[in-house]
């Protein structure tokens, strides 16, 4: 099943694409930003979380996610996320 032991994720960072594919069932980057990063501000590194520049703020080239912390948080909050939410076009 291509599972990676949690300890092997320490010191690993992911892009938004890697995170959405590995932890969010392939949801779009905009979906992840809206329904995870915006709904749960504690994920933002500025708030003590595991995601640097969730919206690619000025001065940041891209979103950076600490894999180990992100996977632990996702496991603890998987039932808090509205996986059926849809982006309004």
N, C-alpha and C. Protein backbone atom coordinates (compact mmCIF):
# COMPACT_ATOMS: atom_id res chain seq x y z
N UNK A 1 0.82 -1.20 0.00
CA UNK A 1 0.00 0.00 0.00
C UNK A 1 0.86 1.26 0.00
N UNK A 2 2.17 1.12 -0.12
CA UNK A 2 3.06 2.26 -0.21
C UNK A 2 3.03 3.13 1.04
N UNK A 3 2.86 2.52 2.21
CA UNK A 3 2.84 3.26 3.46
C UNK A 3 4.25 3.58 3.91
N UNK A 4 4.43 4.76 4.46
CA UNK A 4 5.74 5.20 4.94
C UNK A 4 5.65 5.31 6.45
N UNK A 5 6.55 4.67 7.21
CA UNK A 5 6.53 4.82 8.66
C UNK A 5 6.62 6.30 9.04
N UNK A 6 5.85 6.70 10.05
CA UNK A 6 5.78 8.10 10.45
C UNK A 6 7.15 8.68 10.76
N UNK A 7 8.02 7.91 11.40
CA UNK A 7 9.35 8.42 11.74
C UNK A 7 10.16 8.78 10.50
N UNK A 8 9.89 8.12 9.38
CA UNK A 8 10.62 8.42 8.15
C UNK A 8 10.21 9.77 7.57
N UNK A 9 9.13 10.35 8.04
CA UNK A 9 8.68 11.65 7.53
C UNK A 9 9.30 12.83 8.27
N UNK A 10 9.99 12.55 9.36
CA UNK A 10 10.63 13.64 10.09
C UNK A 10 11.68 14.28 9.19
N UNK A 11 11.75 15.61 9.27
CA UNK A 11 12.68 16.41 8.46
C UNK A 11 12.33 16.44 6.98
N UNK A 12 11.14 15.94 6.61
CA UNK A 12 10.70 15.94 5.21
C UNK A 12 9.69 17.06 5.03
N UNK A 13 9.82 17.81 3.94
CA UNK A 13 8.80 18.80 3.59
C UNK A 13 8.14 18.41 2.29
N UNK A 14 6.89 18.82 2.15
CA UNK A 14 6.11 18.58 0.94
C UNK A 14 5.65 19.89 0.34
N UNK A 15 5.42 19.87 -0.94
CA UNK A 15 4.73 20.97 -1.61
C UNK A 15 3.23 20.76 -1.41
N UNK A 16 2.44 21.73 -1.78
CA UNK A 16 0.99 21.59 -1.68
C UNK A 16 0.52 20.40 -2.53
N UNK A 17 1.15 20.17 -3.69
CA UNK A 17 0.75 19.05 -4.55
C UNK A 17 1.02 17.71 -3.88
N UNK A 18 2.19 17.57 -3.27
CA UNK A 18 2.49 16.30 -2.58
C UNK A 18 1.52 16.08 -1.43
N UNK A 19 1.25 17.13 -0.65
CA UNK A 19 0.34 17.02 0.48
C UNK A 19 -1.07 16.64 0.04
N UNK A 20 -1.58 17.30 -0.98
CA UNK A 20 -2.96 17.03 -1.39
C UNK A 20 -3.11 15.61 -1.96
N UNK A 21 -2.06 15.11 -2.61
CA UNK A 21 -2.12 13.76 -3.16
C UNK A 21 -1.97 12.71 -2.07
N UNK A 22 -1.11 12.95 -1.08
CA UNK A 22 -0.83 11.94 -0.06
C UNK A 22 -1.78 11.98 1.12
N UNK A 23 -2.38 13.15 1.38
CA UNK A 23 -3.20 13.28 2.59
C UNK A 23 -4.64 13.72 2.34
N UNK A 24 -4.94 14.15 1.13
CA UNK A 24 -6.26 14.76 0.90
C UNK A 24 -7.02 14.09 -0.25
N UNK A 25 -6.68 12.88 -0.56
CA UNK A 25 -7.40 12.15 -1.59
C UNK A 25 -7.38 12.79 -2.95
N UNK A 26 -6.34 13.59 -3.23
CA UNK A 26 -6.22 14.21 -4.54
C UNK A 26 -7.07 15.45 -4.73
N UNK A 27 -7.66 15.98 -3.65
CA UNK A 27 -8.42 17.22 -3.76
C UNK A 27 -7.53 18.30 -4.36
N UNK A 28 -8.12 19.30 -5.00
CA UNK A 28 -7.34 20.36 -5.63
C UNK A 28 -6.63 21.22 -4.58
N UNK A 29 -5.58 21.92 -5.02
CA UNK A 29 -4.86 22.81 -4.12
C UNK A 29 -5.79 23.89 -3.57
N UNK A 30 -6.68 24.42 -4.40
CA UNK A 30 -7.63 25.43 -3.92
C UNK A 30 -8.57 24.85 -2.87
N UNK A 31 -8.99 23.61 -3.05
CA UNK A 31 -9.86 22.95 -2.07
C UNK A 31 -9.12 22.83 -0.74
N UNK A 32 -7.87 22.39 -0.78
CA UNK A 32 -7.08 22.22 0.44
C UNK A 32 -6.89 23.56 1.14
N UNK A 33 -6.57 24.59 0.37
CA UNK A 33 -6.39 25.91 0.97
C UNK A 33 -7.68 26.41 1.62
N UNK A 34 -8.81 26.19 0.97
CA UNK A 34 -10.10 26.68 1.47
C UNK A 34 -10.61 25.87 2.65
N UNK A 35 -10.65 24.55 2.51
CA UNK A 35 -11.33 23.72 3.50
C UNK A 35 -10.42 23.12 4.57
N UNK A 36 -9.12 23.28 4.42
CA UNK A 36 -8.22 22.86 5.50
C UNK A 36 -7.49 24.07 6.06
N UNK A 37 -6.71 24.76 5.25
CA UNK A 37 -5.93 25.88 5.77
C UNK A 37 -6.79 27.02 6.28
N UNK A 38 -7.84 27.40 5.56
CA UNK A 38 -8.69 28.50 6.00
C UNK A 38 -9.60 28.10 7.16
N UNK A 39 -10.11 26.89 7.13
CA UNK A 39 -11.02 26.42 8.18
C UNK A 39 -10.29 26.10 9.49
N UNK A 40 -9.01 25.79 9.39
CA UNK A 40 -8.22 25.41 10.56
C UNK A 40 -6.96 26.26 10.61
N UNK A 41 -7.08 27.51 11.08
CA UNK A 41 -5.92 28.42 11.07
C UNK A 41 -4.74 27.92 11.91
N UNK A 42 -4.97 26.95 12.78
CA UNK A 42 -3.86 26.41 13.58
C UNK A 42 -2.86 25.64 12.72
N UNK A 43 -3.21 25.34 11.46
CA UNK A 43 -2.28 24.66 10.56
C UNK A 43 -1.19 25.60 10.05
N UNK A 44 -1.43 26.90 10.12
CA UNK A 44 -0.48 27.91 9.63
C UNK A 44 0.73 27.97 10.56
N UNK A 45 1.90 27.92 10.00
CA UNK A 45 3.15 27.99 10.77
C UNK A 45 3.20 29.23 11.66
N UNK A 46 2.63 30.34 11.18
CA UNK A 46 2.59 31.58 11.96
C UNK A 46 1.78 31.41 13.24
N UNK A 47 0.90 30.41 13.25
CA UNK A 47 0.07 30.12 14.43
C UNK A 47 0.55 28.88 15.17
N UNK A 48 1.77 28.44 14.89
CA UNK A 48 2.32 27.26 15.55
C UNK A 48 2.06 25.97 14.81
N UNK A 49 1.60 26.05 13.57
CA UNK A 49 1.24 24.87 12.79
C UNK A 49 2.36 24.35 11.91
N UNK A 50 1.98 23.60 10.89
CA UNK A 50 2.92 22.85 10.06
C UNK A 50 2.95 23.29 8.60
N UNK A 51 2.27 24.38 8.25
CA UNK A 51 2.22 24.86 6.87
C UNK A 51 2.75 26.28 6.78
N UNK A 52 3.84 26.45 6.03
CA UNK A 52 4.40 27.77 5.80
C UNK A 52 3.78 28.34 4.52
N UNK A 53 3.26 29.55 4.62
CA UNK A 53 2.67 30.26 3.48
C UNK A 53 1.54 29.47 2.82
N UNK A 54 0.45 29.22 3.57
CA UNK A 54 -0.66 28.46 2.98
C UNK A 54 -1.25 29.10 1.73
N UNK A 55 -1.09 30.40 1.59
CA UNK A 55 -1.59 31.10 0.40
C UNK A 55 -0.47 31.81 -0.36
N UNK A 56 0.75 31.29 -0.25
CA UNK A 56 1.91 31.86 -0.94
C UNK A 56 2.00 33.37 -0.71
N UNK A 57 2.13 33.75 0.54
CA UNK A 57 2.23 35.16 0.88
C UNK A 57 3.42 35.83 0.22
N UNK A 58 3.36 37.15 0.20
CA UNK A 58 4.44 37.95 -0.37
C UNK A 58 5.77 37.53 0.25
N UNK A 59 6.75 37.33 -0.60
CA UNK A 59 8.07 36.94 -0.13
C UNK A 59 8.27 35.43 -0.06
N UNK A 60 7.22 34.67 -0.23
CA UNK A 60 7.31 33.20 -0.22
C UNK A 60 7.10 32.69 -1.64
N UNK A 61 7.94 31.82 -2.09
CA UNK A 61 7.82 31.27 -3.45
C UNK A 61 6.74 30.20 -3.54
N UNK A 62 6.56 29.46 -2.45
CA UNK A 62 5.59 28.37 -2.50
C UNK A 62 5.16 27.99 -1.09
N UNK A 63 4.14 27.15 -1.02
CA UNK A 63 3.68 26.61 0.24
C UNK A 63 4.59 25.45 0.64
N UNK A 64 5.01 25.43 1.89
CA UNK A 64 5.87 24.36 2.40
C UNK A 64 5.15 23.70 3.57
N UNK A 65 5.09 22.37 3.54
CA UNK A 65 4.38 21.61 4.56
C UNK A 65 5.34 20.62 5.21
N UNK A 66 5.38 20.64 6.54
CA UNK A 66 6.20 19.68 7.28
C UNK A 66 5.41 18.37 7.37
N UNK A 67 5.90 17.35 6.65
CA UNK A 67 5.16 16.11 6.45
C UNK A 67 4.80 15.39 7.75
N UNK A 68 5.74 15.26 8.65
CA UNK A 68 5.49 14.51 9.88
C UNK A 68 4.37 15.16 10.69
N UNK A 69 4.48 16.46 10.92
CA UNK A 69 3.46 17.16 11.71
C UNK A 69 2.12 17.18 10.98
N UNK A 70 2.16 17.34 9.66
CA UNK A 70 0.93 17.39 8.88
C UNK A 70 0.17 16.06 8.94
N UNK A 71 0.89 14.95 8.81
CA UNK A 71 0.21 13.65 8.84
C UNK A 71 -0.38 13.36 10.22
N UNK A 72 0.31 13.75 11.26
CA UNK A 72 -0.23 13.55 12.61
C UNK A 72 -1.49 14.40 12.82
N UNK A 73 -1.45 15.66 12.36
CA UNK A 73 -2.60 16.55 12.49
C UNK A 73 -3.78 16.02 11.66
N UNK A 74 -3.50 15.60 10.45
CA UNK A 74 -4.57 15.08 9.57
C UNK A 74 -5.23 13.85 10.19
N UNK A 75 -4.46 12.97 10.77
CA UNK A 75 -5.03 11.78 11.41
C UNK A 75 -5.92 12.18 12.58
N UNK A 76 -5.50 13.15 13.35
CA UNK A 76 -6.28 13.59 14.51
C UNK A 76 -7.54 14.36 14.11
N UNK A 77 -7.56 14.96 12.92
CA UNK A 77 -8.67 15.82 12.51
C UNK A 77 -9.44 15.32 11.30
N UNK A 78 -9.20 14.10 10.88
CA UNK A 78 -9.84 13.61 9.66
C UNK A 78 -11.36 13.65 9.72
N UNK A 79 -11.94 13.55 10.91
CA UNK A 79 -13.40 13.59 11.03
C UNK A 79 -13.93 15.02 11.20
N UNK A 80 -13.03 15.98 11.39
CA UNK A 80 -13.43 17.38 11.52
C UNK A 80 -13.51 18.08 10.17
N UNK A 81 -12.87 17.52 9.17
CA UNK A 81 -12.82 18.12 7.83
C UNK A 81 -14.07 17.72 7.06
N UNK A 82 -14.67 18.67 6.36
CA UNK A 82 -15.84 18.39 5.52
C UNK A 82 -15.34 17.93 4.15
N UNK A 83 -15.15 16.64 4.01
CA UNK A 83 -14.60 16.08 2.77
C UNK A 83 -15.56 16.20 1.60
N UNK A 84 -16.82 16.49 1.86
CA UNK A 84 -17.80 16.64 0.78
C UNK A 84 -17.99 18.09 0.37
N UNK A 85 -17.28 19.01 1.00
CA UNK A 85 -17.42 20.43 0.68
C UNK A 85 -17.01 20.67 -0.77
N UNK A 86 -17.68 21.63 -1.37
CA UNK A 86 -17.40 21.96 -2.78
C UNK A 86 -17.03 23.42 -2.92
N UNK A 87 -16.10 23.68 -3.79
CA UNK A 87 -15.73 25.07 -4.08
C UNK A 87 -16.83 25.70 -4.93
N UNK A 88 -17.14 26.94 -4.61
CA UNK A 88 -18.13 27.67 -5.40
C UNK A 88 -17.42 28.30 -6.59
N UNK A 89 -17.95 28.04 -7.76
CA UNK A 89 -17.27 28.59 -8.96
C UNK A 89 -17.87 29.89 -9.42
